[in-house]
Amino acid sequence: MNTTVIVPSLNPDGKMVNTVKSILAEGFTDVVVVNDGSGPEYTPFFEEVAALPGVTVLTHEVNKGKGRAMKTAFAYILENRKDVAGVVTVDADGQHLPKDIRACAEAMEASGENVILGVRDFSLPHVPKKSRIGNNITKAVFRFACGIKISDTQTGLRAIPFKHLPAMCEVAGDRYEYETNQLLVMKRAGIGFSEVVIDTVYIDDNASSHFHPFRDSMRIYMIILKFIGSSIASFLLDFLLFTVINLAIGDSMDGSVRLLIATVGARVVSSLFNYTVNRKVVFRSDADVKRSLVRYYILAACQLLASYLLVNIVAEKILDLGATFLESVIKMIVDFILFLLSYQFQQRWVFK
């Protein structure tokens, strides 16, 4: 196989040595181990693997994090292994079996384009509760917030074609958030991925896991919070501009005309503000401005029409509420649902 295996390691034990030996026994001929600032008492483990044929050990003098360790390895491979098909990142604790590492590498070499993710089956009875819950949370958030349908958000077994390594070196984050950010960058850059089902192995009930569902999903939650913040800021700007224009015109025009000018003027400016913030800050889209702007206003018009029709049908036709506070409650519920749908349409269609 023409694939380099990367093994980041911090304060390892004999399992790291066994992992490297089993990788070589599986037929791999090039392994890069990254010593991420381990203490001096762990040096013998790295010396042992460094003596094995085909193994290179890179060293951080101080601990910099798993993400930085992988980026160090990627940069080394870009400089010194220009003829490889790609790399496979592997955990050092033995949770990734050699046959699964090989399966991911072979799938990556066959594809030449896609990143291959080795995914576990979290429905199995021996999977720790922490991992099952954590994966379910992040899987749901990934799908809603980012449009990424992935079975195993926590997997460290990833086969990456050589052509994508420069992009992986630029991914933000030096620690465990790096792997989450990597998936987001893949989505944004249009890098495809495929999944290979692997054996689900947990050692000591996954006691060494550094995964924290809320903390490691914060980057994704921030996308949603930015979208909410953009909507609130646009609402406040719309209200402020309406007030300023309305007061500036005063009694110099008929009331209906004044309100129309104030409403339309405020909405044009606030909607352009909302479009710009969503494009640049929330979704960080490179979509064509003209196309995405047209789609944005089509969506806004459809959202406005849907709000009117649904509130009218539910409040007036079905419940026959009339001009009551409950009608406002119905509108609030309808608009909240449309707000969630608007997020999905903006992500998947407007700013695609």
Protein backbone atom coordinates (compact mmCIF):
# COMPACT_ATOMS: atom_id res chain seq x y z
CA MET A 1 0.00 0.00 0.00
CA ASN A 2 1.13 3.50 -0.78
CA THR A 3 -0.28 5.09 2.37
CA THR A 4 1.48 6.58 5.39
CA VAL A 5 0.00 5.85 8.81
CA ILE A 6 0.09 8.67 11.39
CA VAL A 7 0.03 7.85 15.10
CA PRO A 8 -0.09 10.88 17.46
CA SER A 9 0.85 9.89 20.99
CA LEU A 10 1.08 11.50 24.43
CA ASN A 11 2.52 9.67 27.44
CA PRO A 12 2.05 6.23 25.86
CA ASP A 13 2.44 2.73 27.25
CA GLY A 14 3.06 -0.62 25.63
CA LYS A 15 -0.20 -0.37 23.67
CA MET A 16 1.34 2.29 21.43
CA VAL A 17 4.28 0.01 20.62
CA ASN A 18 1.94 -2.90 19.90
CA THR A 19 -0.21 -0.65 17.70
CA VAL A 20 2.77 0.36 15.56
CA LYS A 21 4.01 -3.23 15.28
CA SER A 22 0.57 -4.48 14.26
CA ILE A 23 0.34 -1.76 11.59
CA LEU A 24 3.65 -2.88 10.10
CA ALA A 25 2.53 -6.51 10.27
CA GLU A 26 -0.59 -5.57 8.30
CA GLY A 27 1.59 -4.57 5.35
CA PHE A 28 2.15 -0.85 5.85
CA THR A 29 5.73 0.26 5.20
CA ASP A 30 5.64 3.87 6.37
CA VAL A 31 4.51 4.97 9.84
CA VAL A 32 4.94 8.44 11.33
CA VAL A 33 4.63 8.60 15.13
CA VAL A 34 4.33 12.03 16.74
CA ASN A 35 5.57 12.35 20.32
CA ASP A 36 3.39 15.22 21.50
CA GLY A 37 5.54 16.43 24.40
CA SER A 38 5.55 13.24 26.45
CA GLY A 39 7.57 13.15 29.66
CA PRO A 40 11.12 11.77 29.67
CA GLU A 41 9.97 8.55 31.33
CA TYR A 42 8.11 7.68 28.10
CA THR A 43 11.17 8.04 25.88
CA PRO A 44 11.90 4.26 25.82
CA PHE A 45 8.57 3.59 24.09
CA PHE A 46 9.39 6.06 21.32
CA GLU A 47 12.93 4.76 21.00
CA GLU A 48 11.57 1.23 20.60
CA VAL A 49 9.26 2.15 17.72
CA ALA A 50 11.87 4.43 16.13
CA ALA A 51 14.12 1.38 15.81
CA LEU A 52 11.52 -0.46 13.74
CA PRO A 53 11.95 -0.39 9.92
CA GLY A 54 9.73 2.16 8.21
CA VAL A 55 8.96 4.17 11.36
CA THR A 56 9.72 7.88 11.76
CA VAL A 57 9.28 9.62 15.12
CA LEU A 58 8.60 13.37 15.18
CA THR A 59 8.83 15.15 18.53
CA HIS A 60 7.19 18.18 20.12
CA GLU A 61 9.30 19.47 22.99
CA VAL A 62 6.12 20.41 24.87
CA ASN A 63 2.57 19.16 24.60
CA LYS A 64 0.75 21.01 21.80
CA GLY A 65 -2.36 18.88 21.38
CA LYS A 66 -3.58 16.10 19.10
CA GLY A 67 -4.58 18.53 16.36
CA ARG A 68 -1.15 20.14 16.27
CA ALA A 69 0.48 16.69 16.29
CA MET A 70 -1.50 15.70 13.20
CA LYS A 71 -0.69 18.98 11.45
CA THR A 72 3.01 18.43 12.21
CA ALA A 73 2.77 15.00 10.59
CA PHE A 74 0.83 16.36 7.59
CA ALA A 75 3.46 19.06 6.99
CA TYR A 76 6.25 16.47 7.25
CA ILE A 77 4.54 14.19 4.73
CA LEU A 78 3.87 17.05 2.30
CA GLU A 79 7.58 17.82 2.37
CA ASN A 80 9.04 14.31 2.50
CA ARG A 81 6.47 11.86 1.10
CA LYS A 82 5.31 13.51 -2.11
CA ASP A 83 4.65 10.17 -3.82
CA VAL A 84 2.19 8.67 -1.31
CA ALA A 85 -1.51 8.31 -2.07
CA GLY A 86 -2.44 9.72 1.30
CA VAL A 87 -2.40 9.15 5.04
CA VAL A 88 -4.40 7.35 7.71
CA THR A 89 -4.64 8.84 11.20
CA VAL A 90 -4.79 6.24 13.96
CA ASP A 91 -5.21 6.39 17.74
CA ALA A 92 -2.24 5.05 19.69
CA ASP A 93 -4.21 3.05 22.26
CA GLY A 94 -5.11 0.09 20.07
CA GLN A 95 -8.77 0.96 19.52
CA HIS A 96 -8.29 0.83 15.75
CA LEU A 97 -7.66 -2.70 14.51
CA PRO A 98 -5.04 -3.26 11.79
CA LYS A 99 -7.57 -4.79 9.38
CA ASP A 100 -9.78 -1.70 9.73
CA ILE A 101 -6.83 0.64 9.18
CA ARG A 102 -6.04 -1.29 6.03
CA ALA A 103 -9.68 -1.21 4.86
CA CYS A 104 -9.78 2.58 5.19
CA ALA A 105 -6.45 2.98 3.39
CA GLU A 106 -7.56 0.75 0.53
CA ALA A 107 -10.85 2.63 0.18
CA MET A 108 -8.98 5.94 0.11
CA GLU A 109 -6.50 4.73 -2.51
CA ALA A 110 -9.36 3.36 -4.64
CA SER A 111 -11.26 6.65 -4.42
CA GLY A 112 -8.40 9.10 -4.77
CA GLU A 113 -10.80 11.92 -3.89
CA ASN A 114 -12.82 11.17 -0.77
CA VAL A 115 -11.74 11.23 2.84
CA ILE A 116 -12.57 7.83 4.33
CA LEU A 117 -13.98 7.72 7.87
CA GLY A 118 -13.78 4.52 9.88
CA VAL A 119 -17.13 4.54 11.70
CA ARG A 120 -18.24 2.46 14.69
CA ASP A 121 -21.63 0.97 15.48
CA PHE A 122 -22.82 2.81 18.60
CA SER A 123 -25.89 0.60 18.99
CA LEU A 124 -23.83 -2.34 20.22
CA PRO A 125 -24.42 -3.25 23.88
CA HIS A 126 -20.77 -2.90 24.97
CA VAL A 127 -20.48 0.74 23.82
CA PRO A 128 -20.02 3.01 26.88
CA LYS A 129 -23.02 5.20 27.62
CA LYS A 130 -20.89 8.35 27.50
CA SER A 131 -19.78 7.60 23.95
CA ARG A 132 -23.26 6.62 22.75
CA ILE A 133 -24.89 9.78 24.14
CA GLY A 134 -22.04 12.00 23.00
CA ASN A 135 -22.16 10.68 19.45
CA ASN A 136 -25.95 10.97 19.25
CA ILE A 137 -25.79 14.60 20.39
CA THR A 138 -23.06 15.67 17.99
CA LYS A 139 -24.50 13.61 15.13
CA ALA A 140 -27.85 15.40 15.46
CA VAL A 141 -26.23 18.84 15.76
CA PHE A 142 -23.93 18.16 12.79
CA ARG A 143 -26.89 17.21 10.62
CA PHE A 144 -29.05 20.18 11.60
CA ALA A 145 -26.44 22.91 11.86
CA CYS A 146 -24.04 21.87 9.11
CA GLY A 147 -25.96 19.55 6.81
CA ILE A 148 -23.40 16.82 7.45
CA LYS A 149 -24.84 13.32 7.78
CA ILE A 150 -22.20 11.28 9.56
CA SER A 151 -22.45 8.08 11.60
CA ASP A 152 -19.47 8.58 13.92
CA THR A 153 -18.48 12.16 14.71
CA GLN A 154 -15.79 11.07 17.16
CA THR A 155 -13.77 8.74 14.96
CA GLY A 156 -10.03 9.28 14.86
CA LEU A 157 -9.56 6.74 12.06
CA ARG A 158 -9.52 8.86 8.93
CA ALA A 159 -7.87 8.18 5.58
CA ILE A 160 -7.05 11.43 3.77
CA PRO A 161 -5.82 11.71 0.16
CA PHE A 162 -2.51 13.54 -0.27
CA LYS A 163 -4.17 16.31 -2.32
CA HIS A 164 -6.25 17.38 0.70
CA LEU A 165 -3.37 17.60 3.20
CA PRO A 166 -2.64 21.31 2.55
CA ALA A 167 -6.24 22.12 3.53
CA MET A 168 -5.93 19.94 6.63
CA CYS A 169 -2.84 21.87 7.70
CA GLU A 170 -4.91 25.07 7.72
CA VAL A 171 -7.75 23.72 9.87
CA ALA A 172 -8.16 25.74 13.08
CA GLY A 173 -7.55 24.12 16.46
CA ASP A 174 -4.61 22.32 18.01
CA ARG A 175 -6.33 19.95 20.40
CA TYR A 176 -9.33 17.63 20.26
CA GLU A 177 -11.51 20.30 18.66
CA TYR A 178 -9.33 19.91 15.55
CA GLU A 179 -11.13 16.76 14.43
CA THR A 180 -14.52 18.50 14.66
CA ASN A 181 -13.18 21.52 12.78
CA GLN A 182 -11.75 19.19 10.15
CA LEU A 183 -15.24 17.92 9.28
CA LEU A 184 -16.54 21.50 9.01
CA VAL A 185 -13.70 22.48 6.67
CA MET A 186 -14.38 19.41 4.52
CA LYS A 187 -18.00 20.49 4.18
CA ARG A 188 -17.09 24.09 3.36
CA ALA A 189 -14.38 23.09 0.86
CA GLY A 190 -16.58 20.52 -0.86
CA ILE A 191 -14.32 17.62 0.11
CA GLY A 192 -16.39 14.45 -0.08
CA PHE A 193 -16.23 11.64 2.42
CA SER A 194 -17.22 8.00 2.57
CA GLU A 195 -17.67 5.70 5.54
CA VAL A 196 -16.21 2.28 6.23
CA VAL A 197 -17.76 0.36 9.12
CA ILE A 198 -15.10 -0.82 11.57
CA ASP A 199 -15.03 -2.97 14.70
CA THR A 200 -16.13 -1.12 17.82
CA VAL A 201 -13.34 -1.54 20.36
CA TYR A 202 -13.23 0.10 23.79
CA ILE A 203 -10.39 -0.31 26.22
CA ASP A 204 -11.05 0.04 29.99
CA ASP A 205 -14.60 1.25 29.22
CA ASN A 206 -13.11 4.15 27.25
CA ALA A 207 -11.67 5.62 30.45
CA SER A 208 -8.98 7.52 28.55
CA SER A 209 -11.43 9.32 26.27
CA HIS A 210 -11.05 13.09 26.10
CA PHE A 211 -14.38 13.55 24.34
CA HIS A 212 -16.86 16.02 25.86
CA PRO A 213 -20.11 16.32 23.86
CA PHE A 214 -20.91 19.95 24.70
CA ARG A 215 -17.37 21.32 24.63
CA ASP A 216 -16.40 19.53 21.42
CA SER A 217 -19.63 20.64 19.71
CA MET A 218 -19.29 24.32 20.65
CA ARG A 219 -17.95 25.24 17.21
CA ILE A 220 -21.14 23.87 15.68
CA TYR A 221 -23.40 25.47 18.29
CA MET A 222 -21.73 28.80 17.52
CA ILE A 223 -22.97 28.62 13.92
CA ILE A 224 -26.56 28.41 15.16
CA LEU A 225 -25.99 31.16 17.74
CA LYS A 226 -24.51 33.42 15.05
CA PHE A 227 -27.59 32.83 12.89
CA ILE A 228 -29.87 33.74 15.80
CA GLY A 229 -27.74 36.79 16.59
CA SER A 230 -27.86 37.89 12.95
CA SER A 231 -31.65 37.64 12.95
CA ILE A 232 -31.99 39.60 16.20
CA ALA A 233 -29.59 42.31 14.98
CA SER A 234 -31.54 42.58 11.71
CA PHE A 235 -34.81 42.89 13.62
CA LEU A 236 -33.42 45.68 15.80
CA LEU A 237 -31.96 47.48 12.78
CA ASP A 238 -35.31 47.19 10.98
CA PHE A 239 -37.12 48.65 13.99
CA LEU A 240 -34.59 51.49 14.37
CA LEU A 241 -34.66 52.44 10.68
CA PHE A 242 -38.46 52.28 10.56
CA THR A 243 -38.64 54.65 13.53
CA VAL A 244 -36.08 57.09 12.09
CA ILE A 245 -37.65 57.19 8.61
CA ASN A 246 -41.18 57.44 9.98
CA LEU A 247 -40.27 60.35 12.28
CA ALA A 248 -38.17 62.06 9.60
CA ILE A 249 -41.08 62.12 7.13
CA GLY A 250 -43.51 63.18 9.83
CA ASP A 251 -46.76 64.74 8.65
CA SER A 252 -45.38 65.83 5.28
CA MET A 253 -47.02 62.81 3.63
CA ASP A 254 -50.21 60.84 3.94
CA GLY A 255 -50.00 58.31 6.78
CA SER A 256 -50.36 55.25 4.54
CA VAL A 257 -47.62 56.44 2.19
CA ARG A 258 -45.37 57.35 5.12
CA LEU A 259 -45.74 53.90 6.69
CA LEU A 260 -45.15 52.18 3.35
CA ILE A 261 -41.93 54.13 2.72
CA ALA A 262 -40.70 53.56 6.27
CA THR A 263 -41.52 49.84 6.20
CA VAL A 264 -40.02 49.14 2.77
CA GLY A 265 -36.95 51.33 3.33
CA ALA A 266 -36.18 49.75 6.68
CA ARG A 267 -36.76 46.23 5.37
CA VAL A 268 -34.50 46.69 2.33
CA VAL A 269 -31.58 47.87 4.47
CA SER A 270 -32.10 45.33 7.28
CA SER A 271 -32.47 42.43 4.83
CA LEU A 272 -29.25 43.40 3.01
CA PHE A 273 -27.54 43.56 6.40
CA ASN A 274 -28.92 40.11 7.31
CA TYR A 275 -27.86 38.67 3.95
CA THR A 276 -24.32 40.04 4.29
CA VAL A 277 -23.83 38.82 7.87
CA ASN A 278 -25.20 35.37 7.08
CA ARG A 279 -23.03 35.07 3.98
CA LYS A 280 -19.80 36.35 5.53
CA VAL A 281 -20.04 35.40 9.21
CA VAL A 282 -22.58 32.62 9.73
CA PHE A 283 -22.09 30.37 6.71
CA ARG A 284 -18.80 31.83 5.40
CA SER A 285 -20.05 31.19 1.89
CA ASP A 286 -18.19 31.72 -1.37
CA ALA A 287 -21.42 31.40 -3.36
CA ASP A 288 -21.98 33.84 -6.23
CA VAL A 289 -23.38 37.09 -4.78
CA LYS A 290 -25.99 37.70 -7.49
CA ARG A 291 -27.34 34.14 -7.39
CA SER A 292 -27.35 33.87 -3.60
CA LEU A 293 -28.96 37.32 -3.21
CA VAL A 294 -31.79 36.38 -5.58
CA ARG A 295 -32.29 33.11 -3.72
CA TYR A 296 -32.23 34.94 -0.39
CA TYR A 297 -35.07 37.25 -1.43
CA ILE A 298 -37.04 34.38 -2.96
CA LEU A 299 -36.75 32.56 0.36
CA ALA A 300 -37.70 35.71 2.30
CA ALA A 301 -40.80 36.20 0.13
CA CYS A 302 -41.81 32.56 0.54
CA GLN A 303 -41.24 32.79 4.29
CA LEU A 304 -43.41 35.92 4.50
CA LEU A 305 -46.19 34.32 2.44
CA ALA A 306 -46.04 31.07 4.42
CA SER A 307 -46.26 32.98 7.70
CA TYR A 308 -49.36 34.85 6.53
CA LEU A 309 -51.10 31.77 5.12
CA LEU A 310 -50.37 29.49 8.07
CA VAL A 311 -51.40 32.04 10.70
CA ASN A 312 -54.53 32.84 8.71
CA ILE A 313 -55.46 29.18 8.29
CA VAL A 314 -54.77 28.16 11.90
CA ALA A 315 -55.95 31.27 13.74
CA GLU A 316 -58.83 32.39 11.55
CA LYS A 317 -60.10 29.37 9.62
CA ILE A 318 -59.53 26.55 12.11
CA LEU A 319 -59.64 28.18 15.56
CA ASP A 320 -61.61 31.33 14.64
CA LEU A 321 -59.66 33.38 17.20
CA GLY A 322 -60.14 36.86 15.79
CA ALA A 323 -57.92 39.74 16.90
CA THR A 324 -56.75 38.21 20.18
CA PHE A 325 -53.45 37.63 21.96
CA LEU A 326 -53.68 33.94 21.07
CA GLU A 327 -53.39 34.92 17.42
CA SER A 328 -50.01 36.47 18.24
CA VAL A 329 -48.99 33.27 20.03
CA ILE A 330 -49.91 31.26 16.92
CA LYS A 331 -47.82 33.63 14.79
CA MET A 332 -44.86 33.28 17.16
CA ILE A 333 -44.99 29.47 16.91
CA VAL A 334 -45.37 29.55 13.13
CA ASP A 335 -42.53 32.04 12.68
CA PHE A 336 -40.24 29.99 14.95
CA ILE A 337 -40.81 26.90 12.81
CA LEU A 338 -40.22 28.94 9.66
CA PHE A 339 -37.06 30.37 11.27
CA LEU A 340 -35.67 26.83 11.67
CA LEU A 341 -36.62 25.97 8.10
CA SER A 342 -35.05 29.21 6.88
CA TYR A 343 -31.75 28.20 8.48
CA GLN A 344 -31.80 24.91 6.59
CA PHE A 345 -32.72 26.54 3.26
CA GLN A 346 -30.05 29.23 3.63
CA GLN A 347 -27.41 26.64 4.44
CA ARG A 348 -28.37 24.09 1.77
CA TRP A 349 -29.65 26.35 -1.04
CA VAL A 350 -29.02 30.09 -0.67
CA PHE A 351 -25.38 29.97 0.42
CA LYS A 352 -24.48 26.53 -0.95
